[in-house]
Amino acid sequence: MRMRDWVRLPSTWIEDGGLQKFQWTNSDKCGSDNVAALMVLAPIAHGANDEGLAKCTYDALSLATGLSRAKISNGLSVLGELGVIERKPAGRSTIQLANFSLTGGWSKLPARRLYSSGRIIAFDHFKLRTMTELHALKLYYLFARRRSSETNMAHLSYDKIEEYAHIERQRIKRAISFLLSVGLVYVERTESWLNERGTANAYRLTFLDSYVHFGTRGRDPDFATAI
């Protein structure tokens, strides 16, 4: 079956502060397992049906992410422990996105155009070695959750990013720059609600509702507003 252009990702856990639990600790292994967890979450969501159930073999997840079987296993364990997924609900190699519902509580996640020959292209740049990679993935899912359907952008100040994702302020810019460099987000300059003469950043996921942006809607203040 042809992969969809975008899929539904249950995301109330992000709104409830779930991203704060993915931390880079003094143990490199723990940090890299958290990176792996957020990497494997994407192809699971991409392969899920209309009930949130995905059939994902280790080989398929490895192809999509470039991760080893050991890291995939560790990543799945992290997601399971945090209640983001349920493992083997319908037999071997099945994974259920927790709290999946078509009626609400989900965010749009880009899918088909992220891939080339079964591989998520951007993940070629993830080596599971740095805190920046973890922060970048946390921001990616946060931007998906906080995306406005009207503007197709996530309007988030650094204060809000710190609050939702628990990323130190001085590390946010580096994580955003990483997302930019691997082609996962665009950054737009918008008018600020806090300062009538100021501007703020807003964040747009690549390959998601690509026809909704400043080029097609213009810079009308009613269209582009951020805090």
C-alpha atoms as a PDB file:
ATOM      1  CA  MET A   1       0.000   0.000   0.000  1.00  0.00           C
ATOM      2  CA  ARG A   2       1.295   3.455  -0.941  1.00  0.00           C
ATOM      3  CA  MET A   3       2.390   5.506   2.043  1.00  0.00           C
ATOM      4  CA  ARG A   4       0.286   8.574   2.750  1.00  0.00           C
ATOM      5  CA  ASP A   5       1.591  12.118   2.445  1.00  0.00           C
ATOM      6  CA  TRP A   6       0.908  12.622   6.155  1.00  0.00           C
ATOM      7  CA  VAL A   7      -0.282  10.520   9.060  1.00  0.00           C
ATOM      8  CA  ARG A   8      -1.927  11.013  12.440  1.00  0.00           C
ATOM      9  CA  LEU A   9       0.328  10.889  15.488  1.00  0.00           C
ATOM     10  CA  PRO A  10      -1.354  10.783  18.918  1.00  0.00           C
ATOM     11  CA  SER A  11       0.192  13.766  20.662  1.00  0.00           C
ATOM     12  CA  THR A  12      -1.624  14.620  23.870  1.00  0.00           C
ATOM     13  CA  TRP A  13       1.360  13.086  25.676  1.00  0.00           C
ATOM     14  CA  ILE A  14       3.479  15.879  24.169  1.00  0.00           C
ATOM     15  CA  GLU A  15       1.046  18.525  25.401  1.00  0.00           C
ATOM     16  CA  ASP A  16       1.167  16.881  28.824  1.00  0.00           C
ATOM     17  CA  GLY A  17       4.944  17.267  29.035  1.00  0.00           C
ATOM     18  CA  GLY A  18       5.956  13.842  27.776  1.00  0.00           C
ATOM     19  CA  LEU A  19       8.942  15.196  25.841  1.00  0.00           C
ATOM     20  CA  GLN A  20      10.515  16.290  29.105  1.00  0.00           C
ATOM     21  CA  LYS A  21      11.161  12.644  29.931  1.00  0.00           C
ATOM     22  CA  PHE A  22      13.532  12.196  26.983  1.00  0.00           C
ATOM     23  CA  GLN A  23      16.784  13.413  28.486  1.00  0.00           C
ATOM     24  CA  TRP A  24      20.472  13.126  27.693  1.00  0.00           C
ATOM     25  CA  THR A  25      21.962  11.979  30.990  1.00  0.00           C
ATOM     26  CA  ASN A  26      25.524  11.297  32.029  1.00  0.00           C
ATOM     27  CA  SER A  27      25.031   7.858  30.521  1.00  0.00           C
ATOM     28  CA  ASP A  28      25.596   8.110  26.765  1.00  0.00           C
ATOM     29  CA  LYS A  29      23.698   4.851  26.332  1.00  0.00           C
ATOM     30  CA  CYS A  30      20.585   6.290  27.971  1.00  0.00           C
ATOM     31  CA  GLY A  31      20.774   9.390  25.802  1.00  0.00           C
ATOM     32  CA  SER A  32      21.273   7.448  22.591  1.00  0.00           C
ATOM     33  CA  ASP A  33      18.371   5.134  23.482  1.00  0.00           C
ATOM     34  CA  ASN A  34      16.129   8.186  23.773  1.00  0.00           C
ATOM     35  CA  VAL A  35      17.291   9.403  20.354  1.00  0.00           C
ATOM     36  CA  ALA A  36      16.568   5.949  18.951  1.00  0.00           C
ATOM     37  CA  ALA A  37      13.110   5.979  20.530  1.00  0.00           C
ATOM     38  CA  LEU A  38      12.102   9.218  18.837  1.00  0.00           C
ATOM     39  CA  MET A  39      13.587   8.022  15.549  1.00  0.00           C
ATOM     40  CA  VAL A  40      11.617   4.749  15.469  1.00  0.00           C
ATOM     41  CA  LEU A  41       8.412   6.526  16.469  1.00  0.00           C
ATOM     42  CA  ALA A  42       8.253   8.169  13.031  1.00  0.00           C
ATOM     43  CA  PRO A  43       8.155   5.015  10.852  1.00  0.00           C
ATOM     44  CA  ILE A  44       5.773   3.372  13.323  1.00  0.00           C
ATOM     45  CA  ALA A  45       3.345   6.263  12.858  1.00  0.00           C
ATOM     46  CA  HIS A  46       3.941   6.241   9.097  1.00  0.00           C
ATOM     47  CA  GLY A  47       2.956   2.584   8.896  1.00  0.00           C
ATOM     48  CA  ALA A  48      -0.046   2.670  11.228  1.00  0.00           C
ATOM     49  CA  ASN A  49      -3.547   1.964   9.954  1.00  0.00           C
ATOM     50  CA  ASP A  50      -6.737   3.904  10.762  1.00  0.00           C
ATOM     51  CA  GLU A  51      -6.807   2.288  14.185  1.00  0.00           C
ATOM     52  CA  GLY A  52      -3.239   3.248  15.043  1.00  0.00           C
ATOM     53  CA  LEU A  53      -1.905  -0.291  14.607  1.00  0.00           C
ATOM     54  CA  ALA A  54       1.346  -0.788  12.713  1.00  0.00           C
ATOM     55  CA  LYS A  55       3.060  -3.971  11.586  1.00  0.00           C
ATOM     56  CA  CYS A  56       6.764  -3.166  11.835  1.00  0.00           C
ATOM     57  CA  THR A  57       9.510  -5.723  11.509  1.00  0.00           C
ATOM     58  CA  TYR A  58      12.975  -4.956  12.813  1.00  0.00           C
ATOM     59  CA  ASP A  59      14.271  -5.094   9.258  1.00  0.00           C
ATOM     60  CA  ALA A  60      11.770  -2.452   8.112  1.00  0.00           C
ATOM     61  CA  LEU A  61      12.529  -0.187  11.067  1.00  0.00           C
ATOM     62  CA  SER A  62      16.250  -0.607  10.483  1.00  0.00           C
ATOM     63  CA  LEU A  63      15.865   0.321   6.823  1.00  0.00           C
ATOM     64  CA  ALA A  64      13.794   3.392   7.670  1.00  0.00           C
ATOM     65  CA  THR A  65      16.045   4.687  10.442  1.00  0.00           C
ATOM     66  CA  GLY A  66      19.498   3.222   9.831  1.00  0.00           C
ATOM     67  CA  LEU A  67      19.519   1.927  13.412  1.00  0.00           C
ATOM     68  CA  SER A  68      20.842  -1.429  14.572  1.00  0.00           C
ATOM     69  CA  ARG A  69      18.437  -4.063  15.870  1.00  0.00           C
ATOM     70  CA  ALA A  70      19.787  -3.519  19.380  1.00  0.00           C
ATOM     71  CA  LYS A  71      19.100   0.213  19.256  1.00  0.00           C
ATOM     72  CA  ILE A  72      15.648  -0.349  17.781  1.00  0.00           C
ATOM     73  CA  SER A  73      14.859  -2.719  20.642  1.00  0.00           C
ATOM     74  CA  ASN A  74      16.083  -0.204  23.204  1.00  0.00           C
ATOM     75  CA  GLY A  75      14.125   2.589  21.547  1.00  0.00           C
ATOM     76  CA  LEU A  76      10.922   0.535  21.536  1.00  0.00           C
ATOM     77  CA  SER A  77      11.443  -0.230  25.209  1.00  0.00           C
ATOM     78  CA  VAL A  78      11.703   3.483  25.988  1.00  0.00           C
ATOM     79  CA  LEU A  79       8.495   4.249  24.069  1.00  0.00           C
ATOM     80  CA  GLY A  80       6.709   1.372  25.772  1.00  0.00           C
ATOM     81  CA  GLU A  81       7.815   2.401  29.253  1.00  0.00           C
ATOM     82  CA  LEU A  82       6.621   5.954  28.653  1.00  0.00           C
ATOM     83  CA  GLY A  83       3.245   4.774  27.358  1.00  0.00           C
ATOM     84  CA  VAL A  84       3.683   6.172  23.854  1.00  0.00           C
ATOM     85  CA  ILE A  85       3.240   2.726  22.238  1.00  0.00           C
ATOM     86  CA  GLU A  86       1.984  -0.741  23.151  1.00  0.00           C
ATOM     87  CA  ARG A  87       4.072  -3.647  21.887  1.00  0.00           C
ATOM     88  CA  LYS A  88       2.670  -6.805  20.265  1.00  0.00           C
ATOM     89  CA  PRO A  89      -1.035  -6.033  20.814  1.00  0.00           C
ATOM     90  CA  ALA A  90      -2.003  -8.143  17.783  1.00  0.00           C
ATOM     91  CA  GLY A  91       0.869 -10.576  17.610  1.00  0.00           C
ATOM     92  CA  ARG A  92       4.501 -10.506  16.634  1.00  0.00           C
ATOM     93  CA  SER A  93       5.871  -7.341  14.995  1.00  0.00           C
ATOM     94  CA  THR A  94       2.746  -5.311  15.764  1.00  0.00           C
ATOM     95  CA  ILE A  95       2.860  -1.987  17.551  1.00  0.00           C
ATOM     96  CA  GLN A  96      -0.080   0.122  18.688  1.00  0.00           C
ATOM     97  CA  LEU A  97       0.141   3.897  18.973  1.00  0.00           C
ATOM     98  CA  ALA A  98      -1.267   4.540  22.442  1.00  0.00           C
ATOM     99  CA  ASN A  99      -4.431   6.641  22.779  1.00  0.00           C
ATOM    100  CA  PHE A 100      -5.015   6.671  19.030  1.00  0.00           C
ATOM    101  CA  SER A 101      -8.289   8.253  17.940  1.00  0.00           C
ATOM    102  CA  LEU A 102      -9.512   9.639  14.636  1.00  0.00           C
ATOM    103  CA  THR A 103     -11.668  12.184  16.445  1.00  0.00           C
ATOM    104  CA  GLY A 104      -8.926  14.206  18.110  1.00  0.00           C
ATOM    105  CA  GLY A 105      -5.787  14.306  20.199  1.00  0.00           C
ATOM    106  CA  TRP A 106      -3.491  13.834  17.202  1.00  0.00           C
ATOM    107  CA  SER A 107      -1.113  15.897  15.096  1.00  0.00           C
ATOM    108  CA  LYS A 108      -0.195  15.746  11.427  1.00  0.00           C
ATOM    109  CA  LEU A 109       3.182  14.141  10.762  1.00  0.00           C
ATOM    110  CA  PRO A 110       4.831  14.256   7.304  1.00  0.00           C
ATOM    111  CA  ALA A 111       5.308  10.804   5.820  1.00  0.00           C
ATOM    112  CA  ARG A 112       5.869   9.715   2.192  1.00  0.00           C
ATOM    113  CA  ARG A 113       8.108  12.526   0.993  1.00  0.00           C
ATOM    114  CA  LEU A 114      10.546  12.034   3.883  1.00  0.00           C
ATOM    115  CA  TYR A 115      11.642   8.733   2.291  1.00  0.00           C
ATOM    116  CA  SER A 116      13.917   7.545  -0.463  1.00  0.00           C
ATOM    117  CA  SER A 117      14.054   3.807  -1.176  1.00  0.00           C
ATOM    118  CA  GLY A 118      12.475   3.029   2.187  1.00  0.00           C
ATOM    119  CA  ARG A 119      14.855   5.245   4.185  1.00  0.00           C
ATOM    120  CA  ILE A 120      14.041   8.487   6.016  1.00  0.00           C
ATOM    121  CA  ILE A 121      16.664  10.647   4.344  1.00  0.00           C
ATOM    122  CA  ALA A 122      17.190  13.058   7.241  1.00  0.00           C
ATOM    123  CA  PHE A 123      18.032  10.195   9.594  1.00  0.00           C
ATOM    124  CA  ASP A 124      21.252   9.538   7.687  1.00  0.00           C
ATOM    125  CA  HIS A 125      22.647  12.500   9.638  1.00  0.00           C
ATOM    126  CA  PHE A 126      21.761  11.110  13.072  1.00  0.00           C
ATOM    127  CA  LYS A 127      24.645   9.250  14.725  1.00  0.00           C
ATOM    128  CA  LEU A 128      23.229   8.934  18.290  1.00  0.00           C
ATOM    129  CA  ARG A 129      26.286  10.674  19.685  1.00  0.00           C
ATOM    130  CA  THR A 130      25.162  14.153  20.682  1.00  0.00           C
ATOM    131  CA  MET A 131      22.603  15.864  22.855  1.00  0.00           C
ATOM    132  CA  THR A 132      21.742  18.123  19.917  1.00  0.00           C
ATOM    133  CA  GLU A 133      20.249  15.186  18.000  1.00  0.00           C
ATOM    134  CA  LEU A 134      17.904  14.411  20.907  1.00  0.00           C
ATOM    135  CA  HIS A 135      16.898  18.038  21.275  1.00  0.00           C
ATOM    136  CA  ALA A 136      16.274  18.312  17.535  1.00  0.00           C
ATOM    137  CA  LEU A 137      13.879  15.366  17.544  1.00  0.00           C
ATOM    138  CA  LYS A 138      12.072  16.668  20.607  1.00  0.00           C
ATOM    139  CA  LEU A 139      11.568  19.972  18.815  1.00  0.00           C
ATOM    140  CA  TYR A 140      10.363  18.209  15.672  1.00  0.00           C
ATOM    141  CA  TYR A 141       7.561  16.462  17.532  1.00  0.00           C
ATOM    142  CA  LEU A 142       6.796  19.592  19.540  1.00  0.00           C
ATOM    143  CA  PHE A 143       6.449  21.623  16.344  1.00  0.00           C
ATOM    144  CA  ALA A 144       4.107  18.964  14.968  1.00  0.00           C
ATOM    145  CA  ARG A 145       1.971  19.156  18.105  1.00  0.00           C
ATOM    146  CA  ARG A 146       1.859  22.941  18.298  1.00  0.00           C
ATOM    147  CA  ARG A 147       1.379  23.544  14.558  1.00  0.00           C
ATOM    148  CA  SER A 148      -1.484  25.867  13.704  1.00  0.00           C
ATOM    149  CA  SER A 149      -3.774  24.451  11.022  1.00  0.00           C
ATOM    150  CA  GLU A 150      -4.434  28.013   9.831  1.00  0.00           C
ATOM    151  CA  THR A 151      -0.821  29.105   9.355  1.00  0.00           C
ATOM    152  CA  ASN A 152       0.847  25.669   9.031  1.00  0.00           C
ATOM    153  CA  MET A 153       3.447  26.844  11.531  1.00  0.00           C
ATOM    154  CA  ALA A 154       4.244  26.292  15.186  1.00  0.00           C
ATOM    155  CA  HIS A 155       4.357  29.651  16.935  1.00  0.00           C
ATOM    156  CA  LEU A 156       6.569  29.085  19.948  1.00  0.00           C
ATOM    157  CA  SER A 157       8.799  31.371  21.960  1.00  0.00           C
ATOM    158  CA  TYR A 158      11.971  30.012  23.543  1.00  0.00           C
ATOM    159  CA  ASP A 159      10.211  30.223  26.908  1.00  0.00           C
ATOM    160  CA  LYS A 160       7.463  27.888  25.662  1.00  0.00           C
ATOM    161  CA  ILE A 161      10.015  25.521  24.130  1.00  0.00           C
ATOM    162  CA  GLU A 162      11.816  25.313  27.470  1.00  0.00           C
ATOM    163  CA  GLU A 163       8.506  24.640  29.197  1.00  0.00           C
ATOM    164  CA  TYR A 164       7.262  21.890  26.871  1.00  0.00           C
ATOM    165  CA  ALA A 165      10.499  20.165  25.876  1.00  0.00           C
ATOM    166  CA  HIS A 166      12.755  20.886  28.855  1.00  0.00           C
ATOM    167  CA  ILE A 167      15.647  22.031  26.663  1.00  0.00           C
ATOM    168  CA  GLU A 168      18.013  24.609  28.108  1.00  0.00           C
ATOM    169  CA  ARG A 169      17.590  27.948  26.398  1.00  0.00           C
ATOM    170  CA  GLN A 170      21.187  28.147  25.197  1.00  0.00           C
ATOM    171  CA  ARG A 171      20.822  24.779  23.425  1.00  0.00           C
ATOM    172  CA  ILE A 172      17.602  25.520  21.529  1.00  0.00           C
ATOM    173  CA  LYS A 173      19.181  27.426  18.650  1.00  0.00           C
ATOM    174  CA  ARG A 174      21.678  24.626  17.983  1.00  0.00           C
ATOM    175  CA  ALA A 175      18.868  22.066  17.829  1.00  0.00           C
ATOM    176  CA  ILE A 176      16.843  24.224  15.427  1.00  0.00           C
ATOM    177  CA  SER A 177      19.909  24.717  13.240  1.00  0.00           C
ATOM    178  CA  PHE A 178      20.358  20.940  13.110  1.00  0.00           C
ATOM    179  CA  LEU A 179      16.743  20.450  11.980  1.00  0.00           C
ATOM    180  CA  LEU A 180      17.306  23.064   9.297  1.00  0.00           C
ATOM    181  CA  SER A 181      20.522  21.435   8.104  1.00  0.00           C
ATOM    182  CA  VAL A 182      18.889  18.007   7.648  1.00  0.00           C
ATOM    183  CA  GLY A 183      15.842  19.445   5.907  1.00  0.00           C
ATOM    184  CA  LEU A 184      13.151  18.698   8.484  1.00  0.00           C
ATOM    185  CA  VAL A 185      11.918  22.239   9.193  1.00  0.00           C
ATOM    186  CA  TYR A 186      11.741  25.754   7.803  1.00  0.00           C
ATOM    187  CA  VAL A 187      12.013  28.808  10.038  1.00  0.00           C
ATOM    188  CA  GLU A 188       9.806  31.811   9.253  1.00  0.00           C
ATOM    189  CA  ARG A 189       9.975  35.331  10.696  1.00  0.00           C
ATOM    190  CA  THR A 190       6.596  36.559  11.938  1.00  0.00           C
ATOM    191  CA  GLU A 191       5.203  39.476  13.867  1.00  0.00           C
ATOM    192  CA  SER A 192       5.388  39.183  17.629  1.00  0.00           C
ATOM    193  CA  TRP A 193       2.437  39.520  19.986  1.00  0.00           C
ATOM    194  CA  LEU A 194       4.756  40.732  22.719  1.00  0.00           C
ATOM    195  CA  ASN A 195       6.300  43.653  20.853  1.00  0.00           C
ATOM    196  CA  GLU A 196       4.418  45.524  18.113  1.00  0.00           C
ATOM    197  CA  ARG A 197       7.705  46.347  16.408  1.00  0.00           C
ATOM    198  CA  GLY A 198       9.317  42.994  17.027  1.00  0.00           C
ATOM    199  CA  THR A 199       9.486  39.717  15.191  1.00  0.00           C
ATOM    200  CA  ALA A 200       9.533  36.110  16.318  1.00  0.00           C
ATOM    201  CA  ASN A 201      10.376  32.752  14.826  1.00  0.00           C
ATOM    202  CA  ALA A 202       7.749  30.268  13.706  1.00  0.00           C
ATOM    203  CA  TYR A 203       8.485  26.742  12.547  1.00  0.00           C
ATOM    204  CA  ARG A 204       7.082  24.823   9.579  1.00  0.00           C
ATOM    205  CA  LEU A 205       7.615  21.099   8.985  1.00  0.00           C
ATOM    206  CA  THR A 206       8.876  20.229   5.524  1.00  0.00           C
ATOM    207  CA  PHE A 207       6.612  18.130   3.284  1.00  0.00           C
ATOM    208  CA  LEU A 208       3.502  19.021   5.284  1.00  0.00           C
ATOM    209  CA  ASP A 209       0.766  21.108   3.640  1.00  0.00           C
ATOM    210  CA  SER A 210       3.503  22.635   1.501  1.00  0.00           C
ATOM    211  CA  TYR A 211       1.029  24.928  -0.278  1.00  0.00           C
ATOM    212  CA  VAL A 212       0.323  26.839   2.975  1.00  0.00           C
ATOM    213  CA  HIS A 213       3.147  29.307   3.608  1.00  0.00           C
ATOM    214  CA  PHE A 214       4.050  32.978   3.260  1.00  0.00           C
ATOM    215  CA  GLY A 215       4.556  32.584  -0.470  1.00  0.00           C
ATOM    216  CA  THR A 216       0.910  31.608  -0.961  1.00  0.00           C
ATOM    217  CA  ARG A 217      -0.740  33.482   1.919  1.00  0.00           C
ATOM    218  CA  GLY A 218       1.473  36.562   2.166  1.00  0.00           C
ATOM    219  CA  ARG A 219       2.547  38.222   5.384  1.00  0.00           C
ATOM    220  CA  ASP A 220      -0.886  39.319   6.557  1.00  0.00           C
ATOM    221  CA  PRO A 221      -0.735  39.852  10.338  1.00  0.00           C
ATOM    222  CA  ASP A 222      -3.901  37.763  10.686  1.00  0.00           C
ATOM    223  CA  PHE A 223      -2.101  34.890   8.987  1.00  0.00           C
ATOM    224  CA  ALA A 224       1.305  35.151  10.672  1.00  0.00           C
ATOM    225  CA  THR A 225       1.310  35.853  14.379  1.00  0.00           C
ATOM    226  CA  ALA A 226       3.642  34.418  16.993  1.00  0.00           C
ATOM    227  CA  ILE A 227       4.499  34.803  20.654  1.00  0.00           C
END
